[in-house]
């Protein structure tokens, strides 16, 4: 076999590869919101020099770069005069704000509680807001309305379309 035939064979092979094989086009995907990790049946504790500040537990949580999404959330804030607890089916914890949805029960250490379907709690200002119907109960008194803005530190409520049942002392 002549060396010229060998090089001609190699040359023809390379030309055929160049003409007949089409490279795979790889499409790059951009993922906007990728979870960092996911945990199940968790409890998160926030402590400072004085003790427990925040306790959050849930059935399932996904951590993103800027937030936690939690199912079956149970959030307790012990950073102020009155300890508060919020329980909901779903919650998003982002920048010291908690957006809660589905079957929310808010309760405070002094017995005040309310139920609604969605609410937002700002941990920095201690204000709870909802634009949904709610029922608030304290002792034998109750308030029902269409929207609520509750200032936890001031013990003040702003609401619209309110029906109040107030039990007078005997």
N, C-alpha and C. Protein backbone atom coordinates (compact mmCIF):
# COMPACT_ATOMS: atom_id res chain seq x y z
N UNK A 1 0.85 -1.17 0.00
CA UNK A 1 0.00 0.00 0.00
C UNK A 1 0.89 1.22 0.00
N UNK A 2 0.53 2.11 -0.86
CA UNK A 2 1.30 3.32 -1.04
C UNK A 2 0.90 4.34 0.03
N UNK A 3 1.86 5.10 0.50
CA UNK A 3 1.59 6.12 1.52
C UNK A 3 0.65 7.20 1.01
N UNK A 4 0.65 7.43 -0.30
CA UNK A 4 -0.25 8.43 -0.88
C UNK A 4 -1.71 8.03 -0.73
N UNK A 5 -1.99 6.72 -0.89
CA UNK A 5 -3.37 6.25 -0.70
C UNK A 5 -3.83 6.44 0.75
N UNK A 6 -2.92 6.22 1.65
CA UNK A 6 -3.25 6.39 3.08
C UNK A 6 -3.65 7.84 3.37
N UNK A 7 -2.88 8.79 2.89
CA UNK A 7 -3.19 10.21 3.13
C UNK A 7 -4.46 10.64 2.38
N UNK A 8 -4.68 10.08 1.19
CA UNK A 8 -5.91 10.39 0.45
C UNK A 8 -7.11 9.84 1.21
N UNK A 9 -6.99 8.64 1.78
CA UNK A 9 -8.07 8.05 2.57
C UNK A 9 -8.37 8.91 3.81
N UNK A 10 -7.37 9.36 4.49
CA UNK A 10 -7.54 10.23 5.67
C UNK A 10 -8.18 11.55 5.23
N UNK A 11 -7.72 12.11 4.11
CA UNK A 11 -8.26 13.38 3.63
C UNK A 11 -9.73 13.24 3.26
N UNK A 12 -10.11 12.19 2.58
CA UNK A 12 -11.51 11.96 2.20
C UNK A 12 -12.36 11.76 3.46
N UNK A 13 -11.84 11.04 4.42
CA UNK A 13 -12.56 10.84 5.68
C UNK A 13 -12.81 12.16 6.40
N UNK A 14 -11.82 13.00 6.47
CA UNK A 14 -11.98 14.31 7.14
C UNK A 14 -12.95 15.21 6.38
N UNK A 15 -12.90 15.21 5.06
CA UNK A 15 -13.83 16.01 4.25
C UNK A 15 -15.25 15.52 4.46
N UNK A 16 -15.46 14.22 4.53
CA UNK A 16 -16.82 13.69 4.74
C UNK A 16 -17.33 14.04 6.14
N UNK A 17 -16.47 13.99 7.13
CA UNK A 17 -16.88 14.39 8.48
C UNK A 17 -17.28 15.87 8.47
N UNK A 18 -16.50 16.68 7.81
CA UNK A 18 -16.77 18.11 7.76
C UNK A 18 -18.10 18.40 7.06
N UNK A 19 -18.42 17.67 6.00
CA UNK A 19 -19.63 17.94 5.22
C UNK A 19 -20.89 17.27 5.77
N UNK A 20 -20.79 16.08 6.31
CA UNK A 20 -21.98 15.32 6.65
C UNK A 20 -22.38 15.32 8.13
N UNK A 21 -21.47 15.58 9.00
CA UNK A 21 -21.80 15.61 10.43
C UNK A 21 -22.13 17.02 10.87
N UNK A 22 -23.34 17.19 11.40
CA UNK A 22 -23.80 18.50 11.87
C UNK A 22 -23.69 18.51 13.40
N UNK A 23 -23.04 19.48 13.95
CA UNK A 23 -22.89 19.50 15.41
C UNK A 23 -24.23 19.78 16.10
N UNK A 24 -24.36 19.29 17.31
CA UNK A 24 -25.57 19.48 18.10
C UNK A 24 -25.61 20.94 18.56
N UNK A 25 -26.77 21.54 18.37
CA UNK A 25 -26.94 22.91 18.83
C UNK A 25 -27.43 22.86 20.28
N UNK A 26 -26.63 23.36 21.17
CA UNK A 26 -26.96 23.37 22.60
C UNK A 26 -27.61 24.72 22.91
N UNK A 27 -28.83 24.64 23.40
CA UNK A 27 -29.55 25.84 23.78
C UNK A 27 -29.30 26.10 25.26
N UNK A 28 -28.78 27.25 25.56
CA UNK A 28 -28.53 27.58 26.95
C UNK A 28 -29.81 28.05 27.60
N UNK A 29 -30.08 27.52 28.78
CA UNK A 29 -31.26 27.90 29.52
C UNK A 29 -30.87 28.83 30.64
N UNK A 30 -31.73 29.78 30.89
CA UNK A 30 -31.51 30.69 32.01
C UNK A 30 -32.55 30.38 33.08
N UNK A 31 -32.08 30.00 34.25
CA UNK A 31 -32.95 29.71 35.37
C UNK A 31 -33.00 30.96 36.24
N UNK A 32 -34.20 31.49 36.39
CA UNK A 32 -34.37 32.73 37.14
C UNK A 32 -34.39 32.47 38.64
N UNK A 33 -35.10 31.45 39.05
CA UNK A 33 -35.33 31.23 40.47
C UNK A 33 -34.99 29.78 40.83
N UNK A 34 -33.76 29.54 41.20
CA UNK A 34 -33.31 28.19 41.51
C UNK A 34 -33.23 28.03 43.03
N UNK A 35 -33.88 27.01 43.58
CA UNK A 35 -33.79 26.80 45.03
C UNK A 35 -32.38 26.40 45.45
N UNK A 36 -31.97 26.89 46.62
CA UNK A 36 -30.67 26.53 47.16
C UNK A 36 -30.72 25.19 47.87
N UNK A 37 -31.76 24.99 48.68
CA UNK A 37 -31.96 23.70 49.33
C UNK A 37 -33.40 23.58 49.78
N UNK A 38 -33.78 22.35 50.16
CA UNK A 38 -35.12 22.07 50.64
C UNK A 38 -35.01 21.21 51.89
N UNK A 39 -35.83 21.54 52.91
CA UNK A 39 -35.82 20.76 54.14
C UNK A 39 -37.24 20.39 54.51
N UNK A 40 -37.38 19.28 55.22
CA UNK A 40 -38.68 18.79 55.65
C UNK A 40 -38.72 18.70 57.17
N UNK A 41 -39.90 18.95 57.74
CA UNK A 41 -40.13 18.86 59.18
C UNK A 41 -39.01 19.55 59.96
N UNK A 42 -38.99 20.86 59.89
CA UNK A 42 -37.89 21.63 60.46
C UNK A 42 -38.38 22.57 61.55
N UNK A 43 -37.43 23.05 62.35
CA UNK A 43 -37.65 24.10 63.33
C UNK A 43 -36.46 25.04 63.25
N UNK A 44 -36.75 26.33 63.10
CA UNK A 44 -35.72 27.36 62.98
C UNK A 44 -35.78 28.24 64.22
N UNK A 45 -34.66 28.40 64.90
CA UNK A 45 -34.58 29.21 66.12
C UNK A 45 -33.73 30.44 65.84
N UNK A 46 -34.19 31.61 66.28
CA UNK A 46 -33.40 32.83 66.22
C UNK A 46 -33.18 33.29 67.66
N UNK A 47 -31.92 33.36 68.06
CA UNK A 47 -31.57 33.71 69.43
C UNK A 47 -30.76 35.00 69.45
N UNK A 48 -30.87 35.72 70.57
CA UNK A 48 -29.98 36.85 70.81
C UNK A 48 -29.45 36.73 72.24
N UNK A 49 -28.85 37.78 72.77
CA UNK A 49 -28.26 37.73 74.11
C UNK A 49 -29.30 37.51 75.20
N UNK A 50 -30.56 37.86 74.95
CA UNK A 50 -31.61 37.76 75.96
C UNK A 50 -32.40 36.46 75.87
N UNK A 51 -32.23 35.71 74.81
CA UNK A 51 -32.95 34.44 74.68
C UNK A 51 -33.56 34.26 73.30
N UNK A 52 -34.65 33.51 73.26
CA UNK A 52 -35.33 33.18 72.02
C UNK A 52 -36.08 34.38 71.47
N UNK A 53 -35.81 34.74 70.23
CA UNK A 53 -36.48 35.87 69.58
C UNK A 53 -37.56 35.37 68.63
N UNK A 54 -37.21 34.43 67.78
CA UNK A 54 -38.13 33.93 66.77
C UNK A 54 -38.04 32.41 66.70
N UNK A 55 -39.19 31.79 66.52
CA UNK A 55 -39.28 30.34 66.34
C UNK A 55 -40.17 30.11 65.12
N UNK A 56 -39.66 29.40 64.13
CA UNK A 56 -40.46 29.09 62.95
C UNK A 56 -40.32 27.60 62.67
N UNK A 57 -41.44 26.94 62.51
CA UNK A 57 -41.41 25.52 62.16
C UNK A 57 -42.37 25.29 61.01
N UNK A 58 -42.18 24.17 60.34
CA UNK A 58 -43.04 23.86 59.21
C UNK A 58 -42.84 22.44 58.73
N UNK A 59 -43.69 22.05 57.82
CA UNK A 59 -43.63 20.70 57.27
C UNK A 59 -42.59 20.62 56.17
N UNK A 60 -42.53 21.65 55.32
CA UNK A 60 -41.62 21.65 54.19
C UNK A 60 -41.19 23.08 53.92
N UNK A 61 -39.92 23.29 53.63
CA UNK A 61 -39.43 24.63 53.31
C UNK A 61 -38.42 24.56 52.18
N UNK A 62 -38.49 25.54 51.30
CA UNK A 62 -37.53 25.68 50.22
C UNK A 62 -36.83 27.02 50.38
N UNK A 63 -35.51 27.00 50.39
CA UNK A 63 -34.72 28.22 50.55
C UNK A 63 -34.26 28.69 49.19
N UNK A 64 -34.60 29.93 48.86
CA UNK A 64 -34.11 30.58 47.66
C UNK A 64 -33.08 31.61 48.10
N UNK A 65 -32.48 32.30 47.18
CA UNK A 65 -31.44 33.27 47.55
C UNK A 65 -31.97 34.42 48.37
N UNK A 66 -33.27 34.73 48.24
CA UNK A 66 -33.81 35.90 48.95
C UNK A 66 -34.98 35.59 49.88
N UNK A 67 -35.43 34.31 49.95
CA UNK A 67 -36.62 34.02 50.75
C UNK A 67 -36.71 32.54 51.11
N UNK A 68 -37.60 32.28 52.07
CA UNK A 68 -38.01 30.91 52.40
C UNK A 68 -39.48 30.77 52.01
N UNK A 69 -39.84 29.66 51.40
CA UNK A 69 -41.25 29.33 51.22
C UNK A 69 -41.52 28.14 52.13
N UNK A 70 -42.58 28.23 52.92
CA UNK A 70 -42.83 27.24 53.96
C UNK A 70 -44.28 26.75 53.84
N UNK A 71 -44.48 25.44 53.97
CA UNK A 71 -45.83 24.90 54.06
C UNK A 71 -46.08 24.49 55.51
N UNK A 72 -47.32 24.62 55.94
CA UNK A 72 -47.72 24.34 57.34
C UNK A 72 -46.84 25.15 58.30
N UNK A 73 -46.80 26.47 58.09
CA UNK A 73 -45.92 27.34 58.87
C UNK A 73 -46.52 27.61 60.25
N UNK A 74 -45.64 27.63 61.24
CA UNK A 74 -45.98 27.99 62.60
C UNK A 74 -44.90 28.97 63.05
N UNK A 75 -45.24 30.26 63.11
CA UNK A 75 -44.26 31.32 63.36
C UNK A 75 -44.57 31.98 64.70
N UNK A 76 -43.56 32.08 65.57
CA UNK A 76 -43.70 32.73 66.87
C UNK A 76 -42.66 33.83 66.97
N UNK A 77 -43.12 35.04 67.34
CA UNK A 77 -42.23 36.20 67.52
C UNK A 77 -42.28 36.60 68.99
N UNK A 78 -41.14 36.51 69.66
CA UNK A 78 -41.04 36.83 71.07
C UNK A 78 -40.16 38.06 71.29
N UNK A 79 -40.08 38.94 70.30
CA UNK A 79 -39.15 40.06 70.37
C UNK A 79 -39.76 41.30 71.04
N UNK A 80 -41.04 41.30 71.37
CA UNK A 80 -41.68 42.48 71.94
C UNK A 80 -42.42 42.13 73.23
N UNK A 81 -43.19 43.10 73.73
CA UNK A 81 -43.89 42.93 74.99
C UNK A 81 -44.82 41.71 74.95
N UNK A 82 -45.60 41.60 73.89
CA UNK A 82 -46.53 40.47 73.75
C UNK A 82 -45.97 39.48 72.74
N UNK A 83 -45.89 38.23 73.14
CA UNK A 83 -45.47 37.19 72.23
C UNK A 83 -46.65 36.90 71.28
N UNK A 84 -46.34 36.78 69.98
CA UNK A 84 -47.39 36.48 69.00
C UNK A 84 -47.07 35.17 68.31
N UNK A 85 -48.12 34.50 67.85
CA UNK A 85 -47.99 33.24 67.14
C UNK A 85 -48.92 33.29 65.93
N UNK A 86 -48.41 32.83 64.79
CA UNK A 86 -49.20 32.77 63.56
C UNK A 86 -49.06 31.38 62.96
N UNK A 87 -50.18 30.79 62.61
CA UNK A 87 -50.20 29.47 61.99
C UNK A 87 -50.94 29.61 60.66
N UNK A 88 -50.38 29.03 59.60
CA UNK A 88 -51.02 29.10 58.28
C UNK A 88 -50.61 27.88 57.46
N UNK A 89 -51.34 27.65 56.37
CA UNK A 89 -51.01 26.56 55.47
C UNK A 89 -49.75 26.85 54.67
N UNK A 90 -49.58 28.12 54.23
CA UNK A 90 -48.42 28.49 53.42
C UNK A 90 -47.88 29.83 53.89
N UNK A 91 -46.58 30.02 53.75
CA UNK A 91 -45.97 31.28 54.12
C UNK A 91 -44.71 31.53 53.33
N UNK A 92 -44.42 32.82 53.14
CA UNK A 92 -43.18 33.24 52.48
C UNK A 92 -42.49 34.22 53.43
N UNK A 93 -41.27 33.88 53.85
CA UNK A 93 -40.49 34.70 54.77
C UNK A 93 -39.40 35.40 53.97
N UNK A 94 -39.50 36.74 53.86
CA UNK A 94 -38.56 37.49 53.04
C UNK A 94 -38.34 38.87 53.67
N UNK A 95 -37.10 39.22 53.92
CA UNK A 95 -36.72 40.53 54.44
C UNK A 95 -37.52 40.93 55.68
N UNK A 96 -37.59 40.04 56.66
CA UNK A 96 -38.32 40.27 57.91
C UNK A 96 -39.81 40.54 57.68
N UNK A 97 -40.34 40.07 56.58
CA UNK A 97 -41.78 40.12 56.31
C UNK A 97 -42.26 38.72 56.03
N UNK A 98 -43.44 38.41 56.54
CA UNK A 98 -44.01 37.09 56.35
C UNK A 98 -45.37 37.24 55.69
N UNK A 99 -45.51 36.69 54.50
CA UNK A 99 -46.78 36.68 53.79
C UNK A 99 -47.41 35.31 54.02
N UNK A 100 -48.58 35.30 54.64
CA UNK A 100 -49.26 34.05 54.99
C UNK A 100 -50.52 33.89 54.15
N UNK A 101 -50.83 32.66 53.77
CA UNK A 101 -52.06 32.38 53.02
C UNK A 101 -52.69 31.10 53.55
N UNK A 102 -54.00 31.03 53.43
CA UNK A 102 -54.83 29.87 53.74
C UNK A 102 -54.89 29.55 55.24
N UNK A 103 -56.08 29.71 55.79
CA UNK A 103 -56.40 29.32 57.17
C UNK A 103 -55.44 29.90 58.21
N UNK A 104 -55.34 31.19 58.26
CA UNK A 104 -54.42 31.85 59.19
C UNK A 104 -55.08 32.02 60.54
N UNK A 105 -54.34 31.65 61.57
CA UNK A 105 -54.76 31.89 62.96
C UNK A 105 -53.66 32.68 63.63
N UNK A 106 -53.98 33.91 64.02
CA UNK A 106 -53.05 34.79 64.73
C UNK A 106 -53.47 34.82 66.19
N UNK A 107 -52.53 34.65 67.09
CA UNK A 107 -52.86 34.74 68.52
C UNK A 107 -51.74 35.47 69.25
N UNK A 108 -52.15 36.20 70.27
CA UNK A 108 -51.20 36.96 71.07
C UNK A 108 -51.26 36.45 72.50
N UNK A 109 -50.21 36.66 73.27
CA UNK A 109 -50.09 36.10 74.62
C UNK A 109 -51.19 36.56 75.56
N UNK A 110 -51.77 37.73 75.33
CA UNK A 110 -52.81 38.24 76.22
C UNK A 110 -54.21 37.74 75.87
N UNK A 111 -54.34 36.85 74.88
CA UNK A 111 -55.63 36.25 74.56
C UNK A 111 -56.27 36.78 73.29
N UNK A 112 -55.73 37.82 72.68
CA UNK A 112 -56.28 38.35 71.44
C UNK A 112 -55.94 37.39 70.31
N UNK A 113 -56.93 37.10 69.46
CA UNK A 113 -56.68 36.24 68.31
C UNK A 113 -57.60 36.63 67.17
N UNK A 114 -57.15 36.33 65.95
CA UNK A 114 -58.04 36.51 64.80
C UNK A 114 -57.75 35.45 63.75
N UNK A 115 -58.75 35.24 62.88
CA UNK A 115 -58.65 34.27 61.79
C UNK A 115 -58.96 34.99 60.49
N UNK A 116 -58.22 34.64 59.44
CA UNK A 116 -58.42 35.21 58.12
C UNK A 116 -57.84 34.26 57.08
N UNK A 117 -57.93 34.63 55.79
CA UNK A 117 -57.43 33.75 54.75
C UNK A 117 -56.08 34.18 54.18
N UNK A 118 -55.68 35.44 54.35
CA UNK A 118 -54.34 35.87 53.94
C UNK A 118 -53.96 37.10 54.76
N UNK A 119 -52.68 37.19 55.09
CA UNK A 119 -52.19 38.31 55.89
C UNK A 119 -50.71 38.49 55.66
N UNK A 120 -50.22 39.67 56.02
CA UNK A 120 -48.79 39.95 55.95
C UNK A 120 -48.35 40.56 57.28
N UNK A 121 -47.25 40.05 57.81
CA UNK A 121 -46.70 40.52 59.08
C UNK A 121 -45.33 41.11 58.82
N UNK A 122 -45.14 42.36 59.23
CA UNK A 122 -43.85 43.02 59.12
C UNK A 122 -43.19 42.94 60.49
N UNK A 123 -42.12 42.20 60.59
CA UNK A 123 -41.45 41.97 61.87
C UNK A 123 -40.78 43.25 62.39
N UNK A 124 -40.31 44.11 61.49
CA UNK A 124 -39.64 45.35 61.91
C UNK A 124 -40.61 46.34 62.54
N UNK A 125 -41.79 46.49 61.95
CA UNK A 125 -42.76 47.47 62.45
C UNK A 125 -43.82 46.85 63.34
N UNK A 126 -43.89 45.52 63.38
CA UNK A 126 -44.89 44.79 64.16
C UNK A 126 -46.31 45.15 63.75
N UNK A 127 -46.53 45.22 62.45
CA UNK A 127 -47.86 45.52 61.90
C UNK A 127 -48.34 44.31 61.09
N UNK A 128 -49.56 43.88 61.37
CA UNK A 128 -50.18 42.79 60.64
C UNK A 128 -51.29 43.40 59.78
N UNK A 129 -51.29 43.08 58.49
CA UNK A 129 -52.32 43.61 57.59
C UNK A 129 -52.98 42.47 56.82
N UNK A 130 -54.27 42.66 56.56
CA UNK A 130 -55.00 41.75 55.68
C UNK A 130 -56.09 42.55 54.96
N UNK A 131 -56.32 42.19 53.73
CA UNK A 131 -57.40 42.80 52.95
C UNK A 131 -58.55 41.81 52.76
N UNK A 132 -58.54 40.76 53.53
CA UNK A 132 -59.58 39.74 53.48
C UNK A 132 -60.48 39.87 54.70
N UNK A 133 -61.61 39.19 54.65
CA UNK A 133 -62.52 39.18 55.81
C UNK A 133 -61.82 38.49 56.98
N UNK A 134 -62.11 38.96 58.17
CA UNK A 134 -61.47 38.41 59.36
C UNK A 134 -62.46 38.40 60.52
N UNK A 135 -62.14 37.62 61.54
CA UNK A 135 -62.88 37.61 62.80
C UNK A 135 -61.85 37.68 63.91
N UNK A 136 -61.94 38.74 64.73
CA UNK A 136 -61.02 38.96 65.84
C UNK A 136 -61.76 38.72 67.15
N UNK A 137 -61.12 38.02 68.08
CA UNK A 137 -61.75 37.69 69.36
C UNK A 137 -60.79 38.04 70.49
N UNK A 138 -61.34 38.66 71.53
CA UNK A 138 -60.59 38.94 72.77
C UNK A 138 -61.56 38.77 73.91
N UNK A 139 -61.30 37.80 74.76
CA UNK A 139 -62.19 37.45 75.87
C UNK A 139 -63.58 37.13 75.31
N UNK A 140 -64.62 37.88 75.71
CA UNK A 140 -65.98 37.65 75.19
C UNK A 140 -66.35 38.63 74.09
N UNK A 141 -65.42 39.47 73.68
CA UNK A 141 -65.66 40.48 72.65
C UNK A 141 -65.18 39.96 71.30
N UNK A 142 -65.86 40.39 70.23
CA UNK A 142 -65.45 39.98 68.89
C UNK A 142 -65.65 41.12 67.90
N UNK A 143 -64.84 41.11 66.87
CA UNK A 143 -64.91 42.09 65.78
C UNK A 143 -64.81 41.32 64.48
N UNK A 144 -65.67 41.64 63.53
CA UNK A 144 -65.61 41.06 62.19
C UNK A 144 -65.55 42.22 61.20
N UNK A 145 -64.75 42.07 60.15
CA UNK A 145 -64.62 43.15 59.18
C UNK A 145 -64.06 42.66 57.87
N UNK A 146 -63.91 43.62 56.93
CA UNK A 146 -63.44 43.28 55.59
C UNK A 146 -61.94 43.43 55.43
N UNK A 147 -61.30 44.27 56.21
CA UNK A 147 -59.84 44.43 56.15
C UNK A 147 -59.35 44.81 57.53
N UNK A 148 -58.07 44.55 57.78
CA UNK A 148 -57.52 44.78 59.11
C UNK A 148 -56.09 45.28 58.99
N UNK A 149 -55.77 46.24 59.83
CA UNK A 149 -54.39 46.70 60.01
C UNK A 149 -54.19 46.78 61.51
N UNK A 150 -53.40 45.84 62.05
CA UNK A 150 -53.23 45.72 63.49
C UNK A 150 -51.81 46.13 63.88
N UNK A 151 -51.71 47.15 64.72
CA UNK A 151 -50.44 47.64 65.21
C UNK A 151 -50.18 46.96 66.56
N UNK A 152 -49.32 45.96 66.56
CA UNK A 152 -49.09 45.14 67.75
C UNK A 152 -48.47 45.95 68.88
N UNK A 153 -47.51 46.82 68.60
CA UNK A 153 -46.84 47.59 69.66
C UNK A 153 -47.77 48.64 70.27
N UNK A 154 -48.63 49.22 69.47
CA UNK A 154 -49.53 50.27 69.95
C UNK A 154 -50.86 49.72 70.45
N UNK A 155 -51.11 48.43 70.20
CA UNK A 155 -52.38 47.80 70.54
C UNK A 155 -53.55 48.56 69.90
N UNK A 156 -53.39 48.86 68.62
CA UNK A 156 -54.35 49.67 67.87
C UNK A 156 -54.78 48.90 66.62
N UNK A 157 -56.08 49.04 66.28
CA UNK A 157 -56.64 48.35 65.12
C UNK A 157 -57.28 49.36 64.19
N UNK A 158 -57.01 49.21 62.89
CA UNK A 158 -57.72 49.95 61.86
C UNK A 158 -58.43 48.91 61.00
N UNK A 159 -59.72 49.15 60.72
CA UNK A 159 -60.48 48.17 59.97
C UNK A 159 -61.56 48.86 59.17
N UNK A 160 -62.17 48.12 58.23
CA UNK A 160 -63.28 48.66 57.44
C UNK A 160 -64.45 47.70 57.50
N UNK A 161 -65.67 48.28 57.37
CA UNK A 161 -66.93 47.51 57.41
C UNK A 161 -66.97 46.58 58.62
N UNK A 162 -66.96 47.19 59.79
CA UNK A 162 -66.78 46.45 61.04
C UNK A 162 -68.13 46.15 61.71
N UNK A 163 -68.21 44.95 62.25
CA UNK A 163 -69.32 44.55 63.12
C UNK A 163 -68.68 44.15 64.45
N UNK A 164 -69.06 44.87 65.52
CA UNK A 164 -68.44 44.66 66.82
C UNK A 164 -69.46 44.09 67.80
N UNK A 165 -69.07 43.07 68.53
CA UNK A 165 -69.88 42.54 69.63
C UNK A 165 -69.05 42.76 70.88
N UNK A 166 -69.55 43.65 71.74
CA UNK A 166 -68.83 44.02 72.94
C UNK A 166 -69.68 43.69 74.15
N UNK A 167 -69.17 42.90 75.05
CA UNK A 167 -69.89 42.47 76.25
C UNK A 167 -69.63 43.48 77.35
N UNK A 168 -70.70 44.16 77.77
CA UNK A 168 -70.58 45.12 78.88
C UNK A 168 -70.49 44.38 80.20
N UNK A 169 -69.73 44.95 81.13
CA UNK A 169 -69.59 44.33 82.44
C UNK A 169 -70.90 44.39 83.21
N UNK A 170 -71.16 43.43 84.08
CA UNK A 170 -72.41 43.38 84.84
C UNK A 170 -72.28 44.15 86.13
